[in-house]
Amino acid sequence: MDDIDLEILRSLKRDARKSYRDIAEKLGVAEGTVYNRIKKLLENGVLKGFIADIDYSKLGFDITAVIGIVVEGGHLLEIEREMSRASCVSAVYDVTGEYDALIVAKFRKREELNDFIKELLANRYVKRTYTMFVLNIFKEEHGVEF
């Protein structure tokens, strides 16, 4: 990866719909160069895809929960994979500290969160959970500046 690759990534991070032509003009390189570099970044897994930045509260998902999970030894990966498949889950983190994993999930209604937690606790390998409601979202982005 060189400076051109990094600038391409920065440009796509700001606006994933930006055309190869616009990126090429900004960087002073050929459009084909941008195309080939993006293709290589995708092949190497550096660039995993292109996503829309959605305000989920405007779609009715007004509840965001951060859920800490304690899992019985040896079954953490299994539980994390299962949670990763849930449509309401946006992130699953394998963490250190008091919990084995953290889940970030969004819900339309309190009942949906209640059902999710009860289903999670019904798994024989989940020892306990700790649920935190997000009161206000000040920043919610995928990625950091580089």
C-alpha atoms as a PDB file:
ATOM      1  CA  MET A   1       0.000   0.000   0.000  1.00  0.00           C
ATOM      2  CA  ASP A   2       1.271   3.414  -0.912  1.00  0.00           C
ATOM      3  CA  ASP A   3      -0.011   6.981  -0.659  1.00  0.00           C
ATOM      4  CA  ILE A   4      -2.217   6.592  -3.740  1.00  0.00           C
ATOM      5  CA  ASP A   5      -3.956   3.554  -2.249  1.00  0.00           C
ATOM      6  CA  LEU A   6      -4.494   5.441   1.015  1.00  0.00           C
ATOM      7  CA  GLU A   7      -5.909   8.470  -0.801  1.00  0.00           C
ATOM      8  CA  ILE A   8      -8.262   6.218  -2.798  1.00  0.00           C
ATOM      9  CA  LEU A   9      -9.474   4.658   0.461  1.00  0.00           C
ATOM     10  CA  ARG A  10      -9.935   8.081   2.081  1.00  0.00           C
ATOM     11  CA  SER A  11     -11.917   9.275  -0.902  1.00  0.00           C
ATOM     12  CA  LEU A  12     -14.167   6.205  -0.867  1.00  0.00           C
ATOM     13  CA  LYS A  13     -14.619   6.479   2.904  1.00  0.00           C
ATOM     14  CA  ARG A  14     -15.948  10.029   2.473  1.00  0.00           C
ATOM     15  CA  ASP A  15     -18.177   9.080  -0.472  1.00  0.00           C
ATOM     16  CA  ALA A  16     -18.333   5.465  -1.652  1.00  0.00           C
ATOM     17  CA  ARG A  17     -20.316   6.570  -4.722  1.00  0.00           C
ATOM     18  CA  LYS A  18     -17.516   8.787  -6.006  1.00  0.00           C
ATOM     19  CA  SER A  19     -16.643   7.839  -9.575  1.00  0.00           C
ATOM     20  CA  TYR A  20     -13.281   6.437 -10.575  1.00  0.00           C
ATOM     21  CA  ARG A  21     -12.926   9.463 -12.872  1.00  0.00           C
ATOM     22  CA  ASP A  22     -13.414  11.930  -9.991  1.00  0.00           C
ATOM     23  CA  ILE A  23     -10.938  10.076  -7.798  1.00  0.00           C
ATOM     24  CA  ALA A  24      -8.404   9.885 -10.640  1.00  0.00           C
ATOM     25  CA  GLU A  25      -8.688  13.623 -11.361  1.00  0.00           C
ATOM     26  CA  LYS A  26      -8.209  14.497  -7.689  1.00  0.00           C
ATOM     27  CA  LEU A  27      -5.135  12.266  -7.425  1.00  0.00           C
ATOM     28  CA  GLY A  28      -3.696  13.158 -10.828  1.00  0.00           C
ATOM     29  CA  VAL A  29      -3.622   9.544 -12.075  1.00  0.00           C
ATOM     30  CA  ALA A  30      -5.380   7.642 -14.846  1.00  0.00           C
ATOM     31  CA  GLU A  31      -8.887   6.315 -14.300  1.00  0.00           C
ATOM     32  CA  GLY A  32      -7.575   2.805 -15.102  1.00  0.00           C
ATOM     33  CA  THR A  33      -5.068   3.143 -12.270  1.00  0.00           C
ATOM     34  CA  VAL A  34      -7.873   3.849  -9.803  1.00  0.00           C
ATOM     35  CA  TYR A  35      -9.910   0.923 -11.165  1.00  0.00           C
ATOM     36  CA  ASN A  36      -6.971  -1.493 -10.895  1.00  0.00           C
ATOM     37  CA  ARG A  37      -6.027  -0.347  -7.407  1.00  0.00           C
ATOM     38  CA  ILE A  38      -9.589  -0.634  -6.108  1.00  0.00           C
ATOM     39  CA  LYS A  39      -9.833  -4.091  -7.647  1.00  0.00           C
ATOM     40  CA  LYS A  40      -6.585  -5.089  -5.890  1.00  0.00           C
ATOM     41  CA  LEU A  41      -7.732  -3.578  -2.574  1.00  0.00           C
ATOM     42  CA  LEU A  42     -10.907  -5.662  -2.853  1.00  0.00           C
ATOM     43  CA  GLU A  43      -8.998  -8.840  -3.754  1.00  0.00           C
ATOM     44  CA  ASN A  44      -6.618  -8.361  -0.814  1.00  0.00           C
ATOM     45  CA  GLY A  45      -9.498  -7.775   1.604  1.00  0.00           C
ATOM     46  CA  VAL A  46      -8.369  -4.261   2.512  1.00  0.00           C
ATOM     47  CA  LEU A  47     -11.552  -2.887   0.981  1.00  0.00           C
ATOM     48  CA  LYS A  48     -14.358  -5.210   2.077  1.00  0.00           C
ATOM     49  CA  GLY A  49     -17.228  -3.538   0.272  1.00  0.00           C
ATOM     50  CA  PHE A  50     -19.197  -0.345  -0.135  1.00  0.00           C
ATOM     51  CA  ILE A  51     -21.858   0.592   2.409  1.00  0.00           C
ATOM     52  CA  ALA A  52     -24.518   3.252   2.786  1.00  0.00           C
ATOM     53  CA  ASP A  53     -24.438   5.362   5.948  1.00  0.00           C
ATOM     54  CA  ILE A  54     -28.006   4.917   7.222  1.00  0.00           C
ATOM     55  CA  ASP A  55     -29.764   6.697  10.073  1.00  0.00           C
ATOM     56  CA  TYR A  56     -31.536   3.653  11.511  1.00  0.00           C
ATOM     57  CA  SER A  57     -33.666   5.727  13.882  1.00  0.00           C
ATOM     58  CA  LYS A  58     -35.421   7.131  10.810  1.00  0.00           C
ATOM     59  CA  LEU A  59     -36.326   3.541   9.918  1.00  0.00           C
ATOM     60  CA  GLY A  60     -37.857   2.974  13.341  1.00  0.00           C
ATOM     61  CA  PHE A  61     -34.843   1.400  15.052  1.00  0.00           C
ATOM     62  CA  ASP A  62     -34.924   3.697  18.083  1.00  0.00           C
ATOM     63  CA  ILE A  63     -33.320   1.285  20.539  1.00  0.00           C
ATOM     64  CA  THR A  64     -29.600   0.585  20.411  1.00  0.00           C
ATOM     65  CA  ALA A  65     -28.261  -1.860  22.981  1.00  0.00           C
ATOM     66  CA  VAL A  66     -24.751  -2.858  23.937  1.00  0.00           C
ATOM     67  CA  ILE A  67     -24.840  -6.334  25.457  1.00  0.00           C
ATOM     68  CA  GLY A  68     -22.023  -7.944  27.393  1.00  0.00           C
ATOM     69  CA  ILE A  69     -22.029 -11.751  27.401  1.00  0.00           C
ATOM     70  CA  VAL A  70     -20.295 -14.266  29.625  1.00  0.00           C
ATOM     71  CA  VAL A  71     -19.983 -17.647  27.915  1.00  0.00           C
ATOM     72  CA  GLU A  72     -19.107 -21.053  29.288  1.00  0.00           C
ATOM     73  CA  GLY A  73     -15.529 -21.949  28.333  1.00  0.00           C
ATOM     74  CA  GLY A  74     -14.877 -23.437  24.927  1.00  0.00           C
ATOM     75  CA  HIS A  75     -18.120 -22.229  23.331  1.00  0.00           C
ATOM     76  CA  LEU A  76     -17.377 -18.545  22.769  1.00  0.00           C
ATOM     77  CA  LEU A  77     -16.706 -18.812  19.033  1.00  0.00           C
ATOM     78  CA  GLU A  78     -19.908 -20.791  18.534  1.00  0.00           C
ATOM     79  CA  ILE A  79     -21.969 -18.146  20.353  1.00  0.00           C
ATOM     80  CA  GLU A  80     -20.260 -15.283  18.510  1.00  0.00           C
ATOM     81  CA  ARG A  81     -20.983 -16.902  15.150  1.00  0.00           C
ATOM     82  CA  GLU A  82     -24.603 -17.441  16.117  1.00  0.00           C
ATOM     83  CA  MET A  83     -24.998 -13.826  17.245  1.00  0.00           C
ATOM     84  CA  SER A  84     -23.327 -12.577  14.062  1.00  0.00           C
ATOM     85  CA  ARG A  85     -26.164 -14.115  12.043  1.00  0.00           C
ATOM     86  CA  ALA A  86     -28.924 -12.235  13.903  1.00  0.00           C
ATOM     87  CA  SER A  87     -30.397  -9.537  11.670  1.00  0.00           C
ATOM     88  CA  CYS A  88     -30.596  -6.981  14.491  1.00  0.00           C
ATOM     89  CA  VAL A  89     -26.903  -7.314  15.378  1.00  0.00           C
ATOM     90  CA  SER A  90     -24.515  -4.783  13.855  1.00  0.00           C
ATOM     91  CA  ALA A  91     -21.327  -5.753  15.720  1.00  0.00           C
ATOM     92  CA  VAL A  92     -19.908  -8.672  17.683  1.00  0.00           C
ATOM     93  CA  TYR A  93     -16.642  -8.140  19.517  1.00  0.00           C
ATOM     94  CA  ASP A  94     -14.454 -10.731  21.222  1.00  0.00           C
ATOM     95  CA  VAL A  95     -13.192  -8.768  24.239  1.00  0.00           C
ATOM     96  CA  THR A  96     -11.088  -8.969  27.364  1.00  0.00           C
ATOM     97  CA  GLY A  97     -12.277  -8.070  30.824  1.00  0.00           C
ATOM     98  CA  GLU A  98     -15.464  -8.905  32.671  1.00  0.00           C
ATOM     99  CA  TYR A  99     -17.284 -10.114  29.536  1.00  0.00           C
ATOM    100  CA  ASP A 100     -16.261 -12.562  26.838  1.00  0.00           C
ATOM    101  CA  ALA A 101     -18.060 -10.764  24.031  1.00  0.00           C
ATOM    102  CA  LEU A 102     -19.896  -7.516  23.349  1.00  0.00           C
ATOM    103  CA  ILE A 103     -22.820  -7.228  20.967  1.00  0.00           C
ATOM    104  CA  VAL A 104     -24.225  -4.032  19.479  1.00  0.00           C
ATOM    105  CA  ALA A 105     -27.784  -4.437  18.248  1.00  0.00           C
ATOM    106  CA  LYS A 106     -30.681  -2.245  17.127  1.00  0.00           C
ATOM    107  CA  PHE A 107     -34.368  -2.782  17.808  1.00  0.00           C
ATOM    108  CA  ARG A 108     -37.664  -1.126  16.899  1.00  0.00           C
ATOM    109  CA  LYS A 109     -39.431  -1.998  20.142  1.00  0.00           C
ATOM    110  CA  ARG A 110     -38.516  -2.888  23.690  1.00  0.00           C
ATOM    111  CA  GLU A 111     -40.289  -6.235  23.190  1.00  0.00           C
ATOM    112  CA  GLU A 112     -37.843  -7.133  20.384  1.00  0.00           C
ATOM    113  CA  LEU A 113     -34.899  -6.477  22.699  1.00  0.00           C
ATOM    114  CA  ASN A 114     -36.600  -8.490  25.449  1.00  0.00           C
ATOM    115  CA  ASP A 115     -37.126 -11.444  23.104  1.00  0.00           C
ATOM    116  CA  PHE A 116     -33.526 -11.232  21.877  1.00  0.00           C
ATOM    117  CA  ILE A 117     -32.100 -11.272  25.415  1.00  0.00           C
ATOM    118  CA  LYS A 118     -34.358 -14.159  26.468  1.00  0.00           C
ATOM    119  CA  GLU A 119     -33.339 -16.142  23.388  1.00  0.00           C
ATOM    120  CA  LEU A 120     -29.701 -15.418  24.137  1.00  0.00           C
ATOM    121  CA  LEU A 121     -30.079 -16.534  27.754  1.00  0.00           C
ATOM    122  CA  ALA A 122     -31.878 -19.695  26.651  1.00  0.00           C
ATOM    123  CA  ASN A 123     -28.590 -20.877  25.122  1.00  0.00           C
ATOM    124  CA  ARG A 124     -27.099 -23.314  27.624  1.00  0.00           C
ATOM    125  CA  TYR A 125     -23.580 -21.902  27.091  1.00  0.00           C
ATOM    126  CA  VAL A 126     -24.499 -18.303  27.892  1.00  0.00           C
ATOM    127  CA  LYS A 127     -23.941 -17.829  31.609  1.00  0.00           C
ATOM    128  CA  ARG A 128     -25.143 -14.241  31.891  1.00  0.00           C
ATOM    129  CA  THR A 129     -25.645 -10.993  30.012  1.00  0.00           C
ATOM    130  CA  TYR A 130     -25.449  -7.315  30.877  1.00  0.00           C
ATOM    131  CA  THR A 131     -27.491  -4.964  28.725  1.00  0.00           C
ATOM    132  CA  MET A 132     -26.884  -1.248  28.347  1.00  0.00           C
ATOM    133  CA  PHE A 133     -29.293   1.061  26.518  1.00  0.00           C
ATOM    134  CA  VAL A 134     -27.752   3.775  24.397  1.00  0.00           C
ATOM    135  CA  LEU A 135     -29.353   7.069  25.419  1.00  0.00           C
ATOM    136  CA  ASN A 136     -27.780   9.340  22.792  1.00  0.00           C
ATOM    137  CA  ILE A 137     -25.570   8.674  19.801  1.00  0.00           C
ATOM    138  CA  PHE A 138     -22.897  11.332  19.367  1.00  0.00           C
ATOM    139  CA  LYS A 139     -20.850   9.451  16.796  1.00  0.00           C
ATOM    140  CA  GLU A 140     -21.582   6.257  14.932  1.00  0.00           C
ATOM    141  CA  GLU A 141     -19.301   5.622  12.028  1.00  0.00           C
ATOM    142  CA  HIS A 142     -17.608   2.640  10.542  1.00  0.00           C
ATOM    143  CA  GLY A 143     -13.918   3.306  10.499  1.00  0.00           C
ATOM    144  CA  VAL A 144     -11.364   5.785  11.782  1.00  0.00           C
ATOM    145  CA  GLU A 145      -9.171   8.431  10.203  1.00  0.00           C
ATOM    146  CA  PHE A 146      -5.875   7.182   8.772  1.00  0.00           C
END
